[in-house]
Every structure is written in structure tokens, then in C-alpha cells.
Amino acid sequence: MNILILGGAGFLGSYVADEFLKRGHAVTIFDKRSSDYLQSEQKMVIGDLLDRQAVHDVVNGQDIVYNFAGFADLNASINNPLPVLELNILGNANVLDACVTHSVSRFVYASTAYVFSSKGSFYGVSKRCSEKIIEEFSRQFGLDYTIIRYGSVYGPRSDSQNRIYKLIKQALLEGKITFQGDGEEEREYIHVQDAATLSVQILTEEYRNQHVMLTGVERFKYSQLLNMIREMMDDGINIEYLRKEYHGHYVYTPYSFIPEPGKKMICNPFIDFGQGLLQTIGEIHESLQAESVIPR
């Protein structure tokens, strides 16, 4: 099949692009910048979701379209909502229009667990709105879709928009972690490779026109996560809890009685959180050494 990964130069999108390549599919990546992880068999197209013609051009001839592109920084969305709403809603609408025009077999949308919550600020709002627009495109034009609501994804290739990345980077650079809450906040972490594997598996009939929740298997408090990072770094960092609400984020659960219910998928077997966390620390450490930010 011809697979298009919008936002395929990013964290999760690049893994999904690689997973499809492993399975023998023709992969095109569309992003605003060239992918650092581009493989020779993958095609790279530079473009913007808000450029309607560019979107139509790249969608034409594709069988399956994934949209990982968009504004993903929840914290930045709180004080600067317009770029988030424009890119995540109007940009995705451009993709939907192109998918209908060019008879795409399945559109897969990367949503978030924050659609379940009254938290999430304008980022969460943009995802809820886009989900409803996708459902209406399906009703009006027969576009088949799968909406994937991702939980807390972590792992190599992450960047400053990823919370675990930011915590590890601060620990490596400053010898401490400053945490906004009290450490009781809970998340179900899923390794990016597991998330990518499941993101490909949802193309079965079972998940056509369905909403799917992808999270980890085990729940961890942030205090457990921070202590794991400290122990993996030989107890050489200090942890400071500011004990104030991390504005816009949920504490224990994203669930509020708001959107369409979804099926939950888990990876079996899955990457152990401790192993995945250690792998992530190692990758961030190597990248900081390569940038000469910390000594070798």
C-alpha cells in the first residue's frame, strides 16, 4: 500500500513511518522540515498543512493517510491559542478534504487522551473539535477513519514537547528536577515503539470508523517516575516538588463524560517501563554530549 505520514518527521510519526517500511509498504513523509530519521526507501515532501494545494498534491495517489502533524505543546497552547486552533483544526480539515477528493481508503488521526477531560486547554479543545469534524466527514462523504487517542508516550527521538524528555534533560543538565505538582499525579506510559506498532495494527476491519485508546499497561505516579530517574542516575539528582497545579493537565484521570467512547488497545508483549526509561535517558545523554552541552 501507499502510506502517507503527515508529521512523519516528528517523534511518534517517524516510528510509524519506519514500522510501515518494515512491513514492505511505500512510505511518504510530509512535514515542515526534513526528517532526521529518514530512510533511503522513504520519500520526503516538505510542506505545510495550511497549504491546501500542497496537501492535495501529496494525498493524491495514497491509500492510507495518517495525520500526526499539528501543534502538540499543551503548555504553549494556554497562552497562544490561535496557532494551535488554526493548524490543528483548519490544517486537519484540509487533509480531510483531500482524502475525500482523492478517495483515500482510511484516514487515521492522532488525537489525545485529553479529549476525555475538561483539562487540556486549547490543545484539548482543538483535538475534540477535529474528532467531531472527522466524524461528520465520514457521515457526509463516506470517508473511513480511525481516531487514535494517545496517552503518555515516551522514548528515544522525543523532544522538548515531551514531559519525560524535559524532566530527564533538566536532570542531566542541572542535577535536579523541578516538578510543578506534588508527585501524586498518575499516568499510563507507553513506549513509542509499542505505540507505533499498535498504530499500524489498527488498520484491521475491527477498528474501521472507531475510536481507539492507546496507553501503557501500568499506572505510575510522577513521584515513582522521578525516583526511578534519580536511581538510574546513581542518586545524583535532587527532586523539588513545587506543590502547585500544573495548569491545564489532569491529575489522576483524563476521563470526563464528554466524547464518544473508544476501545482500548495494549501491546502484548510490551516494552517494560524501566527499560524504556533507561533507554531514553541514554539517548538524551548522548545527544547532549554530541552538542557539547555536557562533557563526554
Foldseek 3Di string as FASTA:
>chain_A
DEEEQEVCLADLNVLLQVVVVVVPYAYEYEECDDHPNDDPSYHYDHDALLPLVSLLVVLAPGQEYEYPDADQQLVVCQVPVPRRLCRLAVSVVSNLVSCLVRVHQEYEYEAALLCQAPFSHSNNVSRVNNVVVNLVSCVVRVHKYFYEHEWQEDFPRHDPSHPLLVQLVCCVQPQEGEAAADQQFKTFYAYSNFVSVVSVVCPDPVRINFYEYEGHDDMGTSVVVNVLSCVLVVVRHYYHYNHDDPGRDDGYHSHDPDDDDGHYDYDVPGDDPSVRSNNRSVNSVVVCCVVVSDPD
